[in-house]
Amino acid sequence: MARVVALAVSRAKDGDREALQFLYVRYSRNIHSYVRSIVGDDHDADDVTQIVFMKLMTVLERYEQRSVPFFGWLLRLAHNTAIDHIRSRRVVPVEEVRGTDERAPTDGGELTLTVSAALGSLPSQQRDVVFMRHVVGLTPGEIAGRMGRTESSVHGLHHRGRRALREELLRMNAGPSTASA
């Protein structure tokens, strides 16, 4: 069977629709079960499974037979797609996360205020990217989509924002330190 799958992958890379259909028929049930175990819902698992095989058509060229068995590689694609699906549906209570609600006590109060002040010193777009990346947990692609920017510009904003945040925390004597021996 490994030879048949390898041949189907090779032919699908060359654009053979029947080979792609073979891969779908061969693996869709397994992928659906795996995705179901992650997302916890049959309907969402149906959607995510379809997205996995749609993505497969565009990323199959990156698969190299020698590095990982195809099914393992396909499971990784399914896992990432399922996690992206969960992230896209996650509701984040922004005010609680930022710690700006003065009525709600936060752990590490002084640290929270220091980080909030340092974040507040950043230009708005850098602050938004750093916040969405590290607090909300979005990927650069998701952030780019939400901000209407390219992914490379998000990477640049993220890099500059992190550097500026680190410099501001150091200026406030709140930067990282190492223990002396």
C-alpha atoms as a PDB file:
ATOM      1  CA  MET A   1       0.000   0.000   0.000  1.00  0.00           C
ATOM      2  CA  ALA A   2       2.926   2.362   0.706  1.00  0.00           C
ATOM      3  CA  ARG A   3       3.953   2.209  -2.959  1.00  0.00           C
ATOM      4  CA  VAL A   4       0.407   2.940  -4.117  1.00  0.00           C
ATOM      5  CA  VAL A   5       0.188   5.954  -1.787  1.00  0.00           C
ATOM      6  CA  ALA A   6       3.625   7.175  -2.903  1.00  0.00           C
ATOM      7  CA  LEU A   7       2.552   6.906  -6.537  1.00  0.00           C
ATOM      8  CA  ALA A   8      -0.731   8.700  -5.821  1.00  0.00           C
ATOM      9  CA  VAL A   9       1.120  11.503  -4.022  1.00  0.00           C
ATOM     10  CA  SER A  10       3.536  11.851  -6.913  1.00  0.00           C
ATOM     11  CA  ARG A  11       0.729  11.942  -9.468  1.00  0.00           C
ATOM     12  CA  ALA A  12      -1.338  14.352  -7.350  1.00  0.00           C
ATOM     13  CA  LYS A  13       1.670  16.685  -7.206  1.00  0.00           C
ATOM     14  CA  ASP A  14       1.578  16.687 -11.009  1.00  0.00           C
ATOM     15  CA  GLY A  15      -2.080  17.698 -10.972  1.00  0.00           C
ATOM     16  CA  ASP A  16      -3.760  14.313 -11.381  1.00  0.00           C
ATOM     17  CA  ARG A  17      -7.255  14.745  -9.937  1.00  0.00           C
ATOM     18  CA  GLU A  18      -7.893  11.013  -9.709  1.00  0.00           C
ATOM     19  CA  ALA A  19      -4.786  10.591  -7.569  1.00  0.00           C
ATOM     20  CA  LEU A  20      -6.021  13.371  -5.280  1.00  0.00           C
ATOM     21  CA  GLN A  21      -9.418  11.674  -5.120  1.00  0.00           C
ATOM     22  CA  PHE A  22      -7.686   8.411  -4.177  1.00  0.00           C
ATOM     23  CA  LEU A  23      -5.895  10.181  -1.304  1.00  0.00           C
ATOM     24  CA  TYR A  24      -9.182  11.680  -0.142  1.00  0.00           C
ATOM     25  CA  VAL A  25     -10.992   8.333  -0.193  1.00  0.00           C
ATOM     26  CA  ARG A  26      -8.047   6.599   1.485  1.00  0.00           C
ATOM     27  CA  TYR A  27      -7.556   9.080   4.343  1.00  0.00           C
ATOM     28  CA  SER A  28     -10.681  11.217   4.844  1.00  0.00           C
ATOM     29  CA  ARG A  29     -12.264   8.974   7.508  1.00  0.00           C
ATOM     30  CA  ASN A  30      -9.059   8.830   9.531  1.00  0.00           C
ATOM     31  CA  ILE A  31      -8.570  12.578   9.239  1.00  0.00           C
ATOM     32  CA  HIS A  32     -12.199  13.206  10.217  1.00  0.00           C
ATOM     33  CA  SER A  33     -11.831  11.035  13.343  1.00  0.00           C
ATOM     34  CA  TYR A  34      -8.597  12.748  14.313  1.00  0.00           C
ATOM     35  CA  VAL A  35     -10.015  16.232  13.751  1.00  0.00           C
ATOM     36  CA  ARG A  36     -13.178  15.271  15.677  1.00  0.00           C
ATOM     37  CA  SER A  37     -11.018  14.393  18.674  1.00  0.00           C
ATOM     38  CA  ILE A  38      -9.563  17.914  18.581  1.00  0.00           C
ATOM     39  CA  VAL A  39     -12.571  20.119  17.783  1.00  0.00           C
ATOM     40  CA  GLY A  40     -15.133  18.047  19.704  1.00  0.00           C
ATOM     41  CA  ASP A  41     -18.019  18.397  17.243  1.00  0.00           C
ATOM     42  CA  ASP A  42     -19.039  16.334  14.204  1.00  0.00           C
ATOM     43  CA  HIS A  43     -20.168  19.315  12.134  1.00  0.00           C
ATOM     44  CA  ASP A  44     -16.972  21.259  12.812  1.00  0.00           C
ATOM     45  CA  ALA A  45     -14.977  18.105  12.078  1.00  0.00           C
ATOM     46  CA  ASP A  46     -16.754  17.812   8.701  1.00  0.00           C
ATOM     47  CA  ASP A  47     -15.832  21.410   7.878  1.00  0.00           C
ATOM     48  CA  VAL A  48     -12.241  21.116   9.045  1.00  0.00           C
ATOM     49  CA  THR A  49     -11.751  17.837   7.148  1.00  0.00           C
ATOM     50  CA  GLN A  50     -12.893  19.515   3.949  1.00  0.00           C
ATOM     51  CA  ILE A  51     -10.527  22.424   4.622  1.00  0.00           C
ATOM     52  CA  VAL A  52      -7.656  19.974   5.177  1.00  0.00           C
ATOM     53  CA  PHE A  53      -8.169  18.416   1.759  1.00  0.00           C
ATOM     54  CA  MET A  54      -8.611  21.813   0.112  1.00  0.00           C
ATOM     55  CA  LYS A  55      -5.310  22.897   1.660  1.00  0.00           C
ATOM     56  CA  LEU A  56      -3.755  19.632   0.554  1.00  0.00           C
ATOM     57  CA  MET A  57      -4.207  20.701  -3.068  1.00  0.00           C
ATOM     58  CA  THR A  58      -2.106  23.817  -2.492  1.00  0.00           C
ATOM     59  CA  VAL A  59       0.559  22.487  -0.112  1.00  0.00           C
ATOM     60  CA  LEU A  60       1.121  18.978  -1.458  1.00  0.00           C
ATOM     61  CA  GLU A  61       4.103  20.176  -3.468  1.00  0.00           C
ATOM     62  CA  ARG A  62       5.954  20.796  -0.175  1.00  0.00           C
ATOM     63  CA  TYR A  63       5.687  17.169   0.902  1.00  0.00           C
ATOM     64  CA  GLU A  64       8.893  15.176   0.466  1.00  0.00           C
ATOM     65  CA  GLN A  65       8.579  11.398   0.624  1.00  0.00           C
ATOM     66  CA  ARG A  66      11.902  10.889   2.373  1.00  0.00           C
ATOM     67  CA  SER A  67      11.303  13.070   5.431  1.00  0.00           C
ATOM     68  CA  VAL A  68       7.977  11.851   6.911  1.00  0.00           C
ATOM     69  CA  PRO A  69       5.401   9.231   5.902  1.00  0.00           C
ATOM     70  CA  PHE A  70       2.553  10.864   3.988  1.00  0.00           C
ATOM     71  CA  PHE A  71      -0.103   9.997   6.551  1.00  0.00           C
ATOM     72  CA  GLY A  72       1.978  11.551   9.356  1.00  0.00           C
ATOM     73  CA  TRP A  73       2.428  14.682   7.273  1.00  0.00           C
ATOM     74  CA  LEU A  74      -1.314  14.765   6.527  1.00  0.00           C
ATOM     75  CA  LEU A  75      -2.082  14.392  10.245  1.00  0.00           C
ATOM     76  CA  ARG A  76       0.150  17.395  10.985  1.00  0.00           C
ATOM     77  CA  LEU A  77      -1.743  19.407   8.372  1.00  0.00           C
ATOM     78  CA  ALA A  78      -5.042  18.294   9.954  1.00  0.00           C
ATOM     79  CA  HIS A  79      -3.814  19.153  13.438  1.00  0.00           C
ATOM     80  CA  ASN A  80      -2.738  22.662  12.407  1.00  0.00           C
ATOM     81  CA  THR A  81      -6.001  23.244  10.552  1.00  0.00           C
ATOM     82  CA  ALA A  82      -8.062  22.075  13.545  1.00  0.00           C
ATOM     83  CA  ILE A  83      -6.117  24.337  15.917  1.00  0.00           C
ATOM     84  CA  ASP A  84      -6.582  27.284  13.533  1.00  0.00           C
ATOM     85  CA  HIS A  85     -10.308  26.514  13.499  1.00  0.00           C
ATOM     86  CA  ILE A  86     -10.474  26.512  17.298  1.00  0.00           C
ATOM     87  CA  ARG A  87      -8.509  29.774  17.501  1.00  0.00           C
ATOM     88  CA  SER A  88     -10.799  31.462  15.004  1.00  0.00           C
ATOM     89  CA  ARG A  89     -13.818  30.673  17.191  1.00  0.00           C
ATOM     90  CA  ARG A  90     -12.241  31.562  20.527  1.00  0.00           C
ATOM     91  CA  VAL A  91     -13.746  34.543  22.290  1.00  0.00           C
ATOM     92  CA  VAL A  92     -11.222  36.586  24.233  1.00  0.00           C
ATOM     93  CA  PRO A  93     -12.419  38.930  26.978  1.00  0.00           C
ATOM     94  CA  VAL A  94     -10.090  41.746  25.964  1.00  0.00           C
ATOM     95  CA  GLU A  95     -10.574  43.978  28.987  1.00  0.00           C
ATOM     96  CA  GLU A  96      -9.885  41.115  31.386  1.00  0.00           C
ATOM     97  CA  VAL A  97      -6.784  40.045  29.472  1.00  0.00           C
ATOM     98  CA  ARG A  98      -5.360  43.554  29.347  1.00  0.00           C
ATOM     99  CA  GLY A  99      -6.004  44.005  33.047  1.00  0.00           C
ATOM    100  CA  THR A 100      -7.556  47.449  32.534  1.00  0.00           C
ATOM    101  CA  ASP A 101     -10.721  46.641  34.448  1.00  0.00           C
ATOM    102  CA  GLU A 102      -9.908  48.200  37.814  1.00  0.00           C
ATOM    103  CA  ARG A 103     -12.763  46.302  39.498  1.00  0.00           C
ATOM    104  CA  ALA A 104     -11.202  42.932  38.774  1.00  0.00           C
ATOM    105  CA  PRO A 105      -8.147  41.955  40.795  1.00  0.00           C
ATOM    106  CA  THR A 106      -5.278  40.583  38.739  1.00  0.00           C
ATOM    107  CA  ASP A 107      -2.402  38.385  39.782  1.00  0.00           C
ATOM    108  CA  GLY A 108       0.911  40.192  39.713  1.00  0.00           C
ATOM    109  CA  GLY A 109      -0.813  43.590  39.892  1.00  0.00           C
ATOM    110  CA  GLU A 110       2.319  45.730  39.703  1.00  0.00           C
ATOM    111  CA  LEU A 111       3.763  43.667  36.879  1.00  0.00           C
ATOM    112  CA  THR A 112       0.477  43.871  34.984  1.00  0.00           C
ATOM    113  CA  LEU A 113       0.462  47.655  35.337  1.00  0.00           C
ATOM    114  CA  THR A 114       4.101  47.863  34.226  1.00  0.00           C
ATOM    115  CA  VAL A 115       3.518  45.716  31.148  1.00  0.00           C
ATOM    116  CA  SER A 116       0.322  47.639  30.362  1.00  0.00           C
ATOM    117  CA  ALA A 117       2.217  50.933  30.621  1.00  0.00           C
ATOM    118  CA  ALA A 118       5.023  49.613  28.427  1.00  0.00           C
ATOM    119  CA  LEU A 119       2.495  48.346  25.856  1.00  0.00           C
ATOM    120  CA  GLY A 120       0.801  51.744  25.991  1.00  0.00           C
ATOM    121  CA  SER A 121       4.042  53.408  24.933  1.00  0.00           C
ATOM    122  CA  LEU A 122       4.119  51.498  21.626  1.00  0.00           C
ATOM    123  CA  PRO A 123       2.689  52.897  18.404  1.00  0.00           C
ATOM    124  CA  SER A 124      -0.867  51.583  18.034  1.00  0.00           C
ATOM    125  CA  GLN A 125      -0.230  49.122  15.198  1.00  0.00           C
ATOM    126  CA  GLN A 126       2.809  47.601  16.918  1.00  0.00           C
ATOM    127  CA  ARG A 127       0.835  47.353  20.173  1.00  0.00           C
ATOM    128  CA  ASP A 128      -2.066  45.655  18.378  1.00  0.00           C
ATOM    129  CA  VAL A 129       0.208  43.116  16.677  1.00  0.00           C
ATOM    130  CA  VAL A 130       2.133  42.288  19.876  1.00  0.00           C
ATOM    131  CA  PHE A 131      -1.124  41.962  21.806  1.00  0.00           C
ATOM    132  CA  MET A 132      -2.839  39.761  19.210  1.00  0.00           C
ATOM    133  CA  ARG A 133       0.246  37.566  18.844  1.00  0.00           C
ATOM    134  CA  HIS A 134       1.215  37.040  22.485  1.00  0.00           C
ATOM    135  CA  VAL A 135      -1.985  37.548  24.458  1.00  0.00           C
ATOM    136  CA  VAL A 136      -4.701  36.413  22.070  1.00  0.00           C
ATOM    137  CA  GLY A 137      -2.477  33.769  20.439  1.00  0.00           C
ATOM    138  CA  LEU A 138      -3.217  34.521  16.795  1.00  0.00           C
ATOM    139  CA  THR A 139      -0.831  33.516  14.033  1.00  0.00           C
ATOM    140  CA  PRO A 140       0.788  36.196  11.860  1.00  0.00           C
ATOM    141  CA  GLY A 141      -1.519  35.163   9.000  1.00  0.00           C
ATOM    142  CA  GLU A 142      -4.609  35.596  11.178  1.00  0.00           C
ATOM    143  CA  ILE A 143      -3.379  38.976  12.380  1.00  0.00           C
ATOM    144  CA  ALA A 144      -2.713  40.078   8.801  1.00  0.00           C
ATOM    145  CA  GLY A 145      -6.255  39.114   7.839  1.00  0.00           C
ATOM    146  CA  ARG A 146      -7.783  41.023  10.727  1.00  0.00           C
ATOM    147  CA  MET A 147      -5.676  44.117  10.144  1.00  0.00           C
ATOM    148  CA  GLY A 148      -5.931  44.100   6.350  1.00  0.00           C
ATOM    149  CA  ARG A 149      -2.138  43.963   5.986  1.00  0.00           C
ATOM    150  CA  THR A 150       0.334  41.555   4.440  1.00  0.00           C
ATOM    151  CA  GLU A 151       1.835  38.862   6.586  1.00  0.00           C
ATOM    152  CA  SER A 152       5.333  40.269   6.023  1.00  0.00           C
ATOM    153  CA  SER A 153       4.246  43.690   7.308  1.00  0.00           C
ATOM    154  CA  VAL A 154       2.810  41.985  10.401  1.00  0.00           C
ATOM    155  CA  HIS A 155       6.171  40.259  10.940  1.00  0.00           C
ATOM    156  CA  GLY A 156       7.907  43.648  10.711  1.00  0.00           C
ATOM    157  CA  LEU A 157       5.470  45.306  13.127  1.00  0.00           C
ATOM    158  CA  HIS A 158       5.840  42.365  15.505  1.00  0.00           C
ATOM    159  CA  HIS A 159       9.636  42.524  15.434  1.00  0.00           C
ATOM    160  CA  ARG A 160       9.745  46.286  15.981  1.00  0.00           C
ATOM    161  CA  GLY A 161       7.024  46.113  18.640  1.00  0.00           C
ATOM    162  CA  ARG A 162       8.816  43.436  20.651  1.00  0.00           C
ATOM    163  CA  ARG A 163      12.085  45.336  20.457  1.00  0.00           C
ATOM    164  CA  ALA A 164      10.427  48.592  21.552  1.00  0.00           C
ATOM    165  CA  LEU A 165       8.560  46.790  24.350  1.00  0.00           C
ATOM    166  CA  ARG A 166      11.798  45.244  25.637  1.00  0.00           C
ATOM    167  CA  GLU A 167      13.539  48.639  25.544  1.00  0.00           C
ATOM    168  CA  GLU A 168      10.653  50.300  27.391  1.00  0.00           C
ATOM    169  CA  LEU A 169      10.610  47.579  30.061  1.00  0.00           C
ATOM    170  CA  LEU A 170      14.381  47.978  30.527  1.00  0.00           C
ATOM    171  CA  ARG A 171      13.929  51.741  30.805  1.00  0.00           C
ATOM    172  CA  MET A 172      11.320  51.122  33.514  1.00  0.00           C
ATOM    173  CA  ASN A 173      13.751  48.739  35.317  1.00  0.00           C
ATOM    174  CA  ALA A 174      11.320  45.900  34.672  1.00  0.00           C
ATOM    175  CA  GLY A 175      13.280  44.010  32.037  1.00  0.00           C
ATOM    176  CA  PRO A 176      14.455  40.417  32.347  1.00  0.00           C
ATOM    177  CA  SER A 177      17.314  39.687  34.713  1.00  0.00           C
ATOM    178  CA  THR A 178      19.543  36.719  35.396  1.00  0.00           C
ATOM    179  CA  ALA A 179      20.382  35.251  38.747  1.00  0.00           C
ATOM    180  CA  SER A 180      23.973  35.645  39.993  1.00  0.00           C
ATOM    181  CA  ALA A 181      25.858  32.571  41.035  1.00  0.00           C
END
